[in-house]
N, C-alpha and C. Protein backbone atom coordinates (compact mmCIF):
# COMPACT_ATOMS: atom_id res chain seq x y z
N UNK A 1 -160.13 -139.95 165.65
CA UNK A 1 -161.41 -139.83 164.98
C UNK A 1 -162.52 -140.22 165.94
N UNK A 2 -162.41 -139.91 167.17
CA UNK A 2 -163.47 -140.23 168.10
C UNK A 2 -164.73 -139.48 167.72
N UNK A 3 -165.82 -140.20 167.53
CA UNK A 3 -167.06 -139.51 167.20
C UNK A 3 -167.48 -138.58 168.32
N UNK A 4 -167.87 -137.39 167.95
CA UNK A 4 -168.40 -136.44 168.91
C UNK A 4 -169.90 -136.66 168.96
N UNK A 5 -170.34 -137.46 169.91
CA UNK A 5 -171.74 -137.87 169.93
C UNK A 5 -172.68 -136.75 170.33
N UNK A 6 -172.18 -135.59 170.63
CA UNK A 6 -173.05 -134.47 170.98
C UNK A 6 -173.41 -133.63 169.77
N UNK A 7 -172.81 -133.91 168.62
CA UNK A 7 -173.00 -133.01 167.49
C UNK A 7 -173.96 -133.53 166.43
N UNK A 8 -174.73 -134.59 166.73
CA UNK A 8 -175.69 -135.10 165.76
C UNK A 8 -176.71 -134.02 165.41
N UNK A 9 -177.04 -133.95 164.15
CA UNK A 9 -177.94 -132.90 163.70
C UNK A 9 -179.36 -133.39 163.47
N UNK A 10 -179.61 -134.68 163.66
CA UNK A 10 -180.95 -135.20 163.52
C UNK A 10 -181.50 -135.09 162.10
N UNK A 11 -180.62 -135.10 161.10
CA UNK A 11 -181.07 -134.94 159.72
C UNK A 11 -181.57 -136.25 159.13
N UNK A 12 -181.58 -137.32 159.87
CA UNK A 12 -182.04 -138.60 159.36
C UNK A 12 -180.89 -139.48 158.92
N UNK A 13 -181.20 -140.74 158.78
CA UNK A 13 -180.21 -141.72 158.39
C UNK A 13 -179.84 -141.54 156.92
N UNK A 14 -178.55 -141.54 156.64
CA UNK A 14 -178.09 -141.45 155.26
C UNK A 14 -178.59 -142.66 154.49
N UNK A 15 -179.16 -142.44 153.31
CA UNK A 15 -179.66 -143.58 152.54
C UNK A 15 -178.53 -144.51 152.13
N UNK A 16 -178.87 -145.76 151.94
CA UNK A 16 -177.91 -146.76 151.52
C UNK A 16 -177.43 -146.44 150.11
N UNK A 17 -176.14 -146.51 149.91
CA UNK A 17 -175.54 -146.31 148.60
C UNK A 17 -174.77 -147.58 148.26
N UNK A 18 -175.33 -148.40 147.38
CA UNK A 18 -174.72 -149.69 147.04
C UNK A 18 -173.33 -149.55 146.44
N UNK A 19 -172.99 -148.36 145.94
CA UNK A 19 -171.66 -148.17 145.37
C UNK A 19 -170.61 -147.91 146.44
N UNK A 20 -171.06 -147.49 147.64
CA UNK A 20 -170.14 -147.12 148.70
C UNK A 20 -170.29 -148.01 149.93
N UNK A 21 -171.54 -148.23 150.34
CA UNK A 21 -171.79 -149.03 151.54
C UNK A 21 -171.43 -150.50 151.31
N UNK A 22 -171.08 -151.16 152.39
CA UNK A 22 -170.81 -152.61 152.36
C UNK A 22 -172.12 -153.31 152.67
N UNK A 23 -172.67 -153.99 151.67
CA UNK A 23 -173.99 -154.60 151.79
C UNK A 23 -173.91 -156.05 151.33
N UNK A 24 -174.57 -156.92 152.08
CA UNK A 24 -174.72 -158.29 151.62
C UNK A 24 -176.19 -158.67 151.73
N UNK A 25 -176.58 -159.60 150.89
CA UNK A 25 -177.98 -160.00 150.79
C UNK A 25 -178.61 -159.31 149.60
N UNK A 26 -179.54 -160.00 148.97
CA UNK A 26 -180.10 -159.51 147.71
C UNK A 26 -181.42 -158.77 147.87
N UNK A 27 -182.21 -159.15 148.84
CA UNK A 27 -183.55 -158.57 148.93
C UNK A 27 -184.02 -158.63 150.38
N UNK A 28 -185.17 -158.06 150.61
CA UNK A 28 -185.77 -158.12 151.95
C UNK A 28 -185.48 -156.89 152.76
N UNK A 29 -185.84 -156.97 154.02
CA UNK A 29 -185.65 -155.86 154.95
C UNK A 29 -184.17 -155.58 155.12
N UNK A 30 -183.84 -154.34 155.42
CA UNK A 30 -182.44 -153.91 155.53
C UNK A 30 -182.08 -153.62 156.98
N UNK A 31 -181.02 -154.27 157.45
CA UNK A 31 -180.43 -153.96 158.75
C UNK A 31 -179.13 -153.21 158.48
N UNK A 32 -179.00 -152.04 159.07
CA UNK A 32 -177.74 -151.30 159.02
C UNK A 32 -177.19 -151.27 160.43
N UNK A 33 -175.92 -151.63 160.55
CA UNK A 33 -175.25 -151.56 161.85
C UNK A 33 -174.15 -150.53 161.80
N UNK A 34 -174.14 -149.64 162.78
CA UNK A 34 -172.98 -148.79 163.04
C UNK A 34 -172.21 -149.50 164.13
N UNK A 35 -170.99 -149.94 163.80
CA UNK A 35 -170.25 -150.76 164.73
C UNK A 35 -168.79 -150.39 164.84
N UNK A 36 -168.15 -151.02 165.81
CA UNK A 36 -166.75 -150.79 166.17
C UNK A 36 -166.14 -152.18 166.36
N UNK A 37 -165.07 -152.47 165.63
CA UNK A 37 -164.48 -153.81 165.66
C UNK A 37 -163.91 -154.20 167.02
N UNK A 38 -163.65 -153.24 167.88
CA UNK A 38 -163.10 -153.57 169.19
C UNK A 38 -164.18 -153.60 170.28
N UNK A 39 -165.39 -153.26 169.94
CA UNK A 39 -166.49 -153.20 170.90
C UNK A 39 -167.08 -154.60 171.11
N UNK A 40 -167.11 -155.09 172.35
CA UNK A 40 -167.67 -156.42 172.58
C UNK A 40 -169.16 -156.51 172.26
N UNK A 41 -169.87 -155.40 172.38
CA UNK A 41 -171.30 -155.40 172.06
C UNK A 41 -171.51 -155.45 170.55
N UNK A 42 -170.63 -154.79 169.80
CA UNK A 42 -170.69 -154.90 168.33
C UNK A 42 -170.40 -156.33 167.90
N UNK A 43 -169.48 -156.98 168.60
CA UNK A 43 -169.17 -158.38 168.28
C UNK A 43 -170.40 -159.25 168.53
N UNK A 44 -171.11 -159.00 169.62
CA UNK A 44 -172.32 -159.78 169.89
C UNK A 44 -173.36 -159.53 168.81
N UNK A 45 -173.54 -158.27 168.42
CA UNK A 45 -174.49 -157.95 167.35
C UNK A 45 -174.09 -158.65 166.05
N UNK A 46 -172.79 -158.69 165.75
CA UNK A 46 -172.28 -159.38 164.58
C UNK A 46 -172.73 -160.84 164.58
N UNK A 47 -172.58 -161.49 165.72
CA UNK A 47 -172.98 -162.90 165.82
C UNK A 47 -174.49 -163.07 165.64
N UNK A 48 -175.26 -162.19 166.25
CA UNK A 48 -176.72 -162.29 166.15
C UNK A 48 -177.21 -162.01 164.73
N UNK A 49 -176.60 -161.03 164.07
CA UNK A 49 -176.97 -160.72 162.69
C UNK A 49 -176.60 -161.89 161.78
N UNK A 50 -175.47 -162.53 162.03
CA UNK A 50 -175.13 -163.74 161.26
C UNK A 50 -176.20 -164.82 161.42
N UNK A 51 -176.74 -164.95 162.62
CA UNK A 51 -177.81 -165.94 162.85
C UNK A 51 -179.06 -165.57 162.06
N UNK A 52 -179.40 -164.30 162.04
CA UNK A 52 -180.56 -163.84 161.27
C UNK A 52 -180.33 -164.13 159.78
N UNK A 53 -179.15 -163.80 159.29
CA UNK A 53 -178.84 -164.06 157.88
C UNK A 53 -178.90 -165.56 157.60
N UNK A 54 -178.42 -166.36 158.52
CA UNK A 54 -178.47 -167.81 158.34
C UNK A 54 -179.89 -168.33 158.23
N UNK A 55 -180.79 -167.75 158.98
CA UNK A 55 -182.20 -168.16 158.94
C UNK A 55 -182.92 -167.65 157.70
N UNK A 56 -182.63 -166.40 157.30
CA UNK A 56 -183.40 -165.78 156.22
C UNK A 56 -182.69 -165.79 154.88
N UNK A 57 -181.39 -166.11 154.87
CA UNK A 57 -180.65 -166.11 153.60
C UNK A 57 -180.77 -164.79 152.88
N UNK A 58 -181.18 -164.83 151.63
CA UNK A 58 -181.32 -163.61 150.85
C UNK A 58 -182.60 -162.84 151.18
N UNK A 59 -183.31 -163.25 152.20
CA UNK A 59 -184.52 -162.54 152.61
C UNK A 59 -184.26 -161.35 153.50
N UNK A 60 -182.98 -161.05 153.73
CA UNK A 60 -182.59 -159.89 154.52
C UNK A 60 -181.32 -159.31 153.92
N UNK A 61 -181.21 -157.99 153.99
CA UNK A 61 -179.97 -157.32 153.56
C UNK A 61 -179.31 -156.75 154.80
N UNK A 62 -177.98 -156.74 154.79
CA UNK A 62 -177.22 -156.23 155.93
C UNK A 62 -176.15 -155.29 155.42
N UNK A 63 -176.04 -154.13 156.05
CA UNK A 63 -174.99 -153.17 155.74
C UNK A 63 -174.24 -152.82 157.02
N UNK A 64 -172.93 -152.71 156.91
CA UNK A 64 -172.10 -152.33 158.06
C UNK A 64 -171.49 -150.97 157.79
N UNK A 65 -171.60 -150.09 158.78
CA UNK A 65 -170.97 -148.78 158.74
C UNK A 65 -170.07 -148.63 159.97
N UNK A 66 -168.93 -148.00 159.75
CA UNK A 66 -167.93 -147.83 160.80
C UNK A 66 -168.32 -146.71 161.77
N UNK A 67 -168.06 -146.97 163.05
CA UNK A 67 -168.24 -145.96 164.09
C UNK A 67 -167.21 -146.25 165.19
N UNK A 68 -165.91 -146.11 164.86
CA UNK A 68 -164.87 -146.45 165.83
C UNK A 68 -164.86 -145.48 167.01
N UNK A 69 -164.98 -146.02 168.20
CA UNK A 69 -164.95 -145.23 169.43
C UNK A 69 -163.52 -145.24 169.98
N UNK A 70 -162.68 -144.41 169.40
CA UNK A 70 -161.24 -144.50 169.65
C UNK A 70 -160.82 -144.10 171.06
N UNK A 71 -161.65 -143.35 171.77
CA UNK A 71 -161.27 -142.98 173.14
C UNK A 71 -161.33 -144.18 174.08
N UNK A 72 -162.20 -145.13 173.78
CA UNK A 72 -162.28 -146.31 174.65
C UNK A 72 -161.77 -147.58 173.98
N UNK A 73 -161.60 -147.55 172.67
CA UNK A 73 -161.11 -148.71 171.92
C UNK A 73 -159.92 -148.26 171.06
N UNK A 74 -158.72 -148.39 171.58
CA UNK A 74 -157.54 -147.85 170.88
C UNK A 74 -157.22 -148.51 169.54
N UNK A 75 -157.76 -149.71 169.28
CA UNK A 75 -157.48 -150.39 168.01
C UNK A 75 -158.62 -150.27 167.01
N UNK A 76 -159.69 -149.60 167.39
CA UNK A 76 -160.89 -149.55 166.55
C UNK A 76 -160.65 -148.89 165.20
N UNK A 77 -159.95 -147.78 165.19
CA UNK A 77 -159.71 -147.09 163.92
C UNK A 77 -158.80 -147.93 163.02
N UNK A 78 -157.74 -148.50 163.57
CA UNK A 78 -156.83 -149.33 162.77
C UNK A 78 -157.58 -150.53 162.19
N UNK A 79 -158.49 -151.10 162.96
CA UNK A 79 -159.28 -152.24 162.46
C UNK A 79 -160.20 -151.79 161.33
N UNK A 80 -160.84 -150.62 161.49
CA UNK A 80 -161.70 -150.10 160.42
C UNK A 80 -160.88 -149.83 159.16
N UNK A 81 -159.68 -149.29 159.34
CA UNK A 81 -158.80 -149.06 158.19
C UNK A 81 -158.43 -150.38 157.51
N UNK A 82 -158.20 -151.42 158.29
CA UNK A 82 -157.88 -152.73 157.72
C UNK A 82 -159.06 -153.25 156.90
N UNK A 83 -160.28 -153.09 157.43
CA UNK A 83 -161.46 -153.55 156.69
C UNK A 83 -161.61 -152.80 155.38
N UNK A 84 -161.38 -151.49 155.42
CA UNK A 84 -161.51 -150.69 154.19
C UNK A 84 -160.39 -150.99 153.20
N UNK A 85 -159.19 -151.24 153.70
CA UNK A 85 -158.10 -151.62 152.80
C UNK A 85 -158.39 -152.97 152.15
N UNK A 86 -158.96 -153.89 152.90
CA UNK A 86 -159.36 -155.18 152.33
C UNK A 86 -160.46 -154.98 151.30
N UNK A 87 -161.37 -154.03 151.56
CA UNK A 87 -162.45 -153.76 150.61
C UNK A 87 -161.90 -153.33 149.25
N UNK A 88 -160.80 -152.61 149.26
CA UNK A 88 -160.19 -152.17 148.01
C UNK A 88 -159.63 -153.34 147.20
N UNK A 89 -159.52 -154.50 147.85
CA UNK A 89 -159.12 -155.72 147.15
C UNK A 89 -160.28 -156.72 147.15
N UNK A 90 -161.50 -156.19 147.27
CA UNK A 90 -162.73 -156.98 147.21
C UNK A 90 -162.82 -158.07 148.28
N UNK A 91 -162.32 -157.78 149.46
CA UNK A 91 -162.36 -158.78 150.54
C UNK A 91 -162.88 -158.17 151.86
N UNK A 92 -163.75 -157.18 151.75
CA UNK A 92 -164.27 -156.53 152.96
C UNK A 92 -164.90 -157.54 153.92
N UNK A 93 -165.85 -158.33 153.42
CA UNK A 93 -166.61 -159.20 154.32
C UNK A 93 -165.74 -160.25 154.99
N UNK A 94 -164.74 -160.76 154.27
CA UNK A 94 -163.84 -161.74 154.87
C UNK A 94 -163.04 -161.10 156.00
N UNK A 95 -162.56 -159.86 155.78
CA UNK A 95 -161.82 -159.16 156.84
C UNK A 95 -162.76 -158.80 157.99
N UNK A 96 -163.95 -158.38 157.67
CA UNK A 96 -164.96 -158.06 158.68
C UNK A 96 -165.15 -159.22 159.66
N UNK A 97 -165.29 -160.41 159.12
CA UNK A 97 -165.48 -161.61 159.94
C UNK A 97 -164.24 -161.86 160.80
N UNK A 98 -163.06 -161.79 160.19
CA UNK A 98 -161.83 -162.03 160.96
C UNK A 98 -161.67 -161.02 162.10
N UNK A 99 -161.96 -159.77 161.84
CA UNK A 99 -161.78 -158.74 162.86
C UNK A 99 -162.69 -158.98 164.06
N UNK A 100 -163.92 -159.37 163.81
CA UNK A 100 -164.80 -159.66 164.94
C UNK A 100 -164.45 -160.97 165.62
N UNK A 101 -164.08 -161.97 164.87
CA UNK A 101 -163.77 -163.27 165.48
C UNK A 101 -162.47 -163.23 166.27
N UNK A 102 -161.59 -162.32 165.91
CA UNK A 102 -160.29 -162.21 166.59
C UNK A 102 -160.15 -160.84 167.24
N UNK A 103 -161.20 -160.41 167.85
CA UNK A 103 -161.30 -159.07 168.41
C UNK A 103 -160.20 -158.76 169.43
N UNK A 104 -159.67 -159.75 170.08
CA UNK A 104 -158.62 -159.51 171.08
C UNK A 104 -157.24 -159.39 170.46
N UNK A 105 -157.14 -159.54 169.14
CA UNK A 105 -155.85 -159.48 168.45
C UNK A 105 -155.96 -158.50 167.28
N UNK A 106 -155.83 -157.21 167.60
CA UNK A 106 -155.97 -156.17 166.58
C UNK A 106 -154.73 -155.27 166.49
N UNK A 107 -153.59 -155.81 166.88
CA UNK A 107 -152.34 -155.06 166.76
C UNK A 107 -151.90 -155.04 165.29
N UNK A 108 -150.93 -154.20 165.00
CA UNK A 108 -150.42 -154.04 163.63
C UNK A 108 -150.05 -155.39 163.00
N UNK A 109 -149.29 -156.20 163.71
CA UNK A 109 -148.86 -157.49 163.17
C UNK A 109 -150.06 -158.40 162.91
N UNK A 110 -151.05 -158.33 163.77
CA UNK A 110 -152.26 -159.14 163.59
C UNK A 110 -152.97 -158.75 162.29
N UNK A 111 -153.16 -157.45 162.09
CA UNK A 111 -153.87 -156.96 160.91
C UNK A 111 -153.15 -157.36 159.63
N UNK A 112 -151.83 -157.24 159.64
CA UNK A 112 -151.04 -157.65 158.46
C UNK A 112 -151.16 -159.16 158.25
N UNK A 113 -151.17 -159.90 159.34
CA UNK A 113 -151.33 -161.35 159.24
C UNK A 113 -152.68 -161.74 158.66
N UNK A 114 -153.73 -161.02 159.02
CA UNK A 114 -155.05 -161.30 158.46
C UNK A 114 -155.06 -161.01 156.97
N UNK A 115 -154.40 -159.93 156.57
CA UNK A 115 -154.32 -159.60 155.15
C UNK A 115 -153.63 -160.73 154.38
N UNK A 116 -152.53 -161.23 154.93
CA UNK A 116 -151.81 -162.33 154.28
C UNK A 116 -152.69 -163.59 154.25
N UNK A 117 -153.37 -163.87 155.35
CA UNK A 117 -154.24 -165.04 155.43
C UNK A 117 -155.33 -164.99 154.36
N UNK A 118 -155.82 -163.79 154.06
CA UNK A 118 -156.87 -163.63 153.05
C UNK A 118 -156.32 -163.57 151.63
N UNK A 119 -154.99 -163.66 151.50
CA UNK A 119 -154.39 -163.63 150.18
C UNK A 119 -154.32 -162.24 149.56
N UNK A 120 -154.36 -161.22 150.41
CA UNK A 120 -154.28 -159.86 149.90
C UNK A 120 -152.84 -159.50 149.55
N UNK A 121 -152.67 -158.55 148.69
CA UNK A 121 -151.37 -157.96 148.42
C UNK A 121 -151.06 -157.11 149.66
N UNK A 122 -150.18 -157.60 150.53
CA UNK A 122 -149.96 -156.97 151.83
C UNK A 122 -149.33 -155.59 151.68
N UNK A 123 -148.45 -155.39 150.72
CA UNK A 123 -147.87 -154.06 150.52
C UNK A 123 -148.95 -153.06 150.12
N UNK A 124 -149.82 -153.46 149.23
CA UNK A 124 -150.93 -152.59 148.84
C UNK A 124 -151.87 -152.36 150.02
N UNK A 125 -152.14 -153.40 150.78
CA UNK A 125 -152.98 -153.31 151.97
C UNK A 125 -152.41 -152.26 152.93
N UNK A 126 -151.12 -152.32 153.19
CA UNK A 126 -150.48 -151.35 154.09
C UNK A 126 -150.60 -149.92 153.55
N UNK A 127 -150.36 -149.76 152.26
CA UNK A 127 -150.45 -148.42 151.67
C UNK A 127 -151.89 -147.91 151.71
N UNK A 128 -152.84 -148.77 151.41
CA UNK A 128 -154.25 -148.36 151.42
C UNK A 128 -154.72 -148.00 152.83
N UNK A 129 -154.28 -148.77 153.82
CA UNK A 129 -154.69 -148.46 155.20
C UNK A 129 -154.27 -147.07 155.62
N UNK A 130 -153.14 -146.63 155.13
CA UNK A 130 -152.60 -145.32 155.52
C UNK A 130 -153.11 -144.19 154.61
N UNK A 131 -153.92 -144.52 153.64
CA UNK A 131 -154.32 -143.51 152.65
C UNK A 131 -155.42 -142.59 153.15
N UNK A 132 -155.44 -141.40 152.58
CA UNK A 132 -156.49 -140.44 152.90
C UNK A 132 -157.86 -140.95 152.46
N UNK A 133 -157.90 -141.71 151.37
CA UNK A 133 -159.17 -142.24 150.87
C UNK A 133 -159.83 -143.18 151.86
N UNK A 134 -159.04 -144.03 152.49
CA UNK A 134 -159.59 -144.96 153.48
C UNK A 134 -160.09 -144.19 154.70
N UNK A 135 -159.32 -143.22 155.17
CA UNK A 135 -159.78 -142.41 156.31
C UNK A 135 -161.06 -141.65 155.96
N UNK A 136 -161.13 -141.14 154.75
CA UNK A 136 -162.33 -140.41 154.33
C UNK A 136 -163.54 -141.34 154.28
N UNK A 137 -163.34 -142.57 153.84
CA UNK A 137 -164.44 -143.55 153.78
C UNK A 137 -164.99 -143.83 155.18
N UNK A 138 -164.10 -143.97 156.15
CA UNK A 138 -164.51 -144.20 157.54
C UNK A 138 -165.19 -142.95 158.09
N UNK A 139 -164.62 -141.79 157.80
CA UNK A 139 -165.21 -140.53 158.25
C UNK A 139 -166.64 -140.37 157.71
N UNK A 140 -166.87 -140.79 156.48
CA UNK A 140 -168.21 -140.73 155.89
C UNK A 140 -169.21 -141.49 156.75
N UNK A 141 -168.83 -142.70 157.17
CA UNK A 141 -169.72 -143.50 158.00
C UNK A 141 -169.97 -142.82 159.35
N UNK A 142 -168.92 -142.36 159.99
CA UNK A 142 -169.06 -141.70 161.30
C UNK A 142 -169.97 -140.49 161.17
N UNK A 143 -169.72 -139.66 160.16
CA UNK A 143 -170.54 -138.46 159.99
C UNK A 143 -171.99 -138.79 159.70
N UNK A 144 -172.24 -139.87 158.95
CA UNK A 144 -173.63 -140.24 158.68
C UNK A 144 -174.31 -140.72 159.96
N UNK A 145 -173.57 -141.42 160.81
CA UNK A 145 -174.13 -141.84 162.09
C UNK A 145 -174.46 -140.65 162.98
N UNK A 146 -173.54 -139.70 163.06
CA UNK A 146 -173.79 -138.51 163.86
C UNK A 146 -174.96 -137.70 163.31
N UNK A 147 -175.01 -137.56 162.00
CA UNK A 147 -176.07 -136.77 161.37
C UNK A 147 -177.44 -137.39 161.59
N UNK A 148 -177.49 -138.70 161.81
CA UNK A 148 -178.78 -139.35 162.04
C UNK A 148 -179.41 -138.87 163.34
N UNK A 149 -178.57 -138.41 164.26
CA UNK A 149 -179.06 -138.02 165.57
C UNK A 149 -179.38 -139.21 166.46
N UNK A 150 -179.17 -140.42 165.97
CA UNK A 150 -179.52 -141.64 166.70
C UNK A 150 -178.32 -142.47 167.14
N UNK A 151 -177.19 -142.32 166.47
CA UNK A 151 -176.02 -143.14 166.78
C UNK A 151 -175.25 -142.46 167.90
N UNK A 152 -175.30 -143.09 169.07
CA UNK A 152 -174.63 -142.54 170.25
C UNK A 152 -173.54 -143.47 170.76
N UNK A 153 -173.52 -144.67 170.25
CA UNK A 153 -172.56 -145.68 170.67
C UNK A 153 -172.68 -146.87 169.75
N UNK A 154 -171.98 -147.93 170.11
CA UNK A 154 -172.00 -149.11 169.26
C UNK A 154 -172.43 -150.32 170.08
N UNK A 155 -173.13 -151.22 169.42
CA UNK A 155 -173.67 -151.08 168.07
C UNK A 155 -174.96 -150.26 168.09
N UNK A 156 -175.23 -149.60 167.01
CA UNK A 156 -176.53 -148.99 166.78
C UNK A 156 -177.08 -149.62 165.51
N UNK A 157 -178.28 -150.18 165.62
CA UNK A 157 -178.90 -150.86 164.50
C UNK A 157 -180.11 -150.07 164.00
N UNK A 158 -180.29 -150.12 162.70
CA UNK A 158 -181.47 -149.57 162.05
C UNK A 158 -182.10 -150.69 161.23
N UNK A 159 -183.42 -150.77 161.25
CA UNK A 159 -184.14 -151.71 160.40
C UNK A 159 -185.01 -150.88 159.47
N UNK A 160 -184.70 -150.98 158.19
CA UNK A 160 -185.39 -150.18 157.18
C UNK A 160 -185.41 -148.70 157.54
N UNK A 161 -184.29 -148.20 158.03
CA UNK A 161 -184.13 -146.78 158.31
C UNK A 161 -184.62 -146.31 159.66
N UNK A 162 -185.21 -147.21 160.45
CA UNK A 162 -185.73 -146.84 161.77
C UNK A 162 -184.80 -147.42 162.83
N UNK A 163 -184.35 -146.58 163.76
CA UNK A 163 -183.44 -147.06 164.79
C UNK A 163 -184.10 -148.17 165.60
N UNK A 164 -183.31 -149.18 165.91
CA UNK A 164 -183.77 -150.34 166.72
C UNK A 164 -183.12 -150.19 168.09
N UNK A 165 -183.88 -149.81 169.08
CA UNK A 165 -183.34 -149.58 170.43
C UNK A 165 -183.48 -150.80 171.34
N UNK A 166 -184.21 -151.80 170.91
CA UNK A 166 -184.41 -152.97 171.75
C UNK A 166 -183.22 -153.90 171.72
N UNK A 167 -183.40 -155.06 172.32
CA UNK A 167 -182.34 -156.07 172.30
C UNK A 167 -182.00 -156.45 170.85
N UNK A 168 -180.77 -156.83 170.63
CA UNK A 168 -180.38 -157.20 169.27
C UNK A 168 -180.05 -158.68 169.17
N UNK A 169 -180.71 -159.49 169.98
CA UNK A 169 -180.52 -160.93 169.83
C UNK A 169 -181.28 -161.40 168.58
N UNK A 170 -180.88 -162.55 168.06
CA UNK A 170 -181.41 -163.03 166.78
C UNK A 170 -182.93 -163.17 166.80
N UNK A 171 -183.50 -163.66 167.89
CA UNK A 171 -184.95 -163.86 167.94
C UNK A 171 -185.69 -162.53 167.79
N UNK A 172 -185.24 -161.51 168.47
CA UNK A 172 -185.89 -160.19 168.38
C UNK A 172 -185.71 -159.61 166.99
N UNK A 173 -184.50 -159.71 166.45
CA UNK A 173 -184.24 -159.17 165.10
C UNK A 173 -185.04 -159.92 164.05
N UNK A 174 -185.14 -161.24 164.19
CA UNK A 174 -185.95 -162.02 163.25
C UNK A 174 -187.41 -161.57 163.29
N UNK A 175 -187.90 -161.36 164.47
CA UNK A 175 -189.28 -160.90 164.63
C UNK A 175 -189.46 -159.54 163.95
N UNK A 176 -188.49 -158.66 164.14
CA UNK A 176 -188.62 -157.32 163.55
C UNK A 176 -188.52 -157.34 162.03
N UNK A 177 -187.61 -158.13 161.48
CA UNK A 177 -187.44 -158.10 160.02
C UNK A 177 -188.45 -158.96 159.28
N UNK A 178 -189.19 -159.80 159.99
CA UNK A 178 -190.20 -160.63 159.30
C UNK A 178 -191.61 -160.13 159.57
N UNK A 179 -191.76 -159.08 160.36
CA UNK A 179 -193.11 -158.57 160.64
C UNK A 179 -193.56 -157.54 159.62
């Protein structure tokens, strides 16, 4: 599922859908990240966004969308599938954190271990990871990133629907979401 970054149609960023997108935070400016669990830059963005959330609490909303770059990150798709399988048991954010914090350990046994650590039904987790529904959910995110015409790699951040091309350290993001 390597994104074909040459096929973006420039149709704009897909609007947030609270029924489908993974969103945390109640109000305020919206940061959307297109990320890859195996990408070290996505991991850095994850840490910086956590700092922003820590400072602003419910004054900022954050949504994560998958953009696994499988040609350079061989575990990215499996990690995205693990996050989506955890989401089906209402544990997306907990798995999201584990995947970034343990980015160097994304093998099959690691993913199953994280599911067990989170108290998930591991048999259901395994079945869900392999399901067409989970792959379709990830494909939706990838296609929305490509359709934006702006997502060329990871991480790609948007603030209130506008691509953020500058640094993504907490100080810069705080400045952008509070201005």
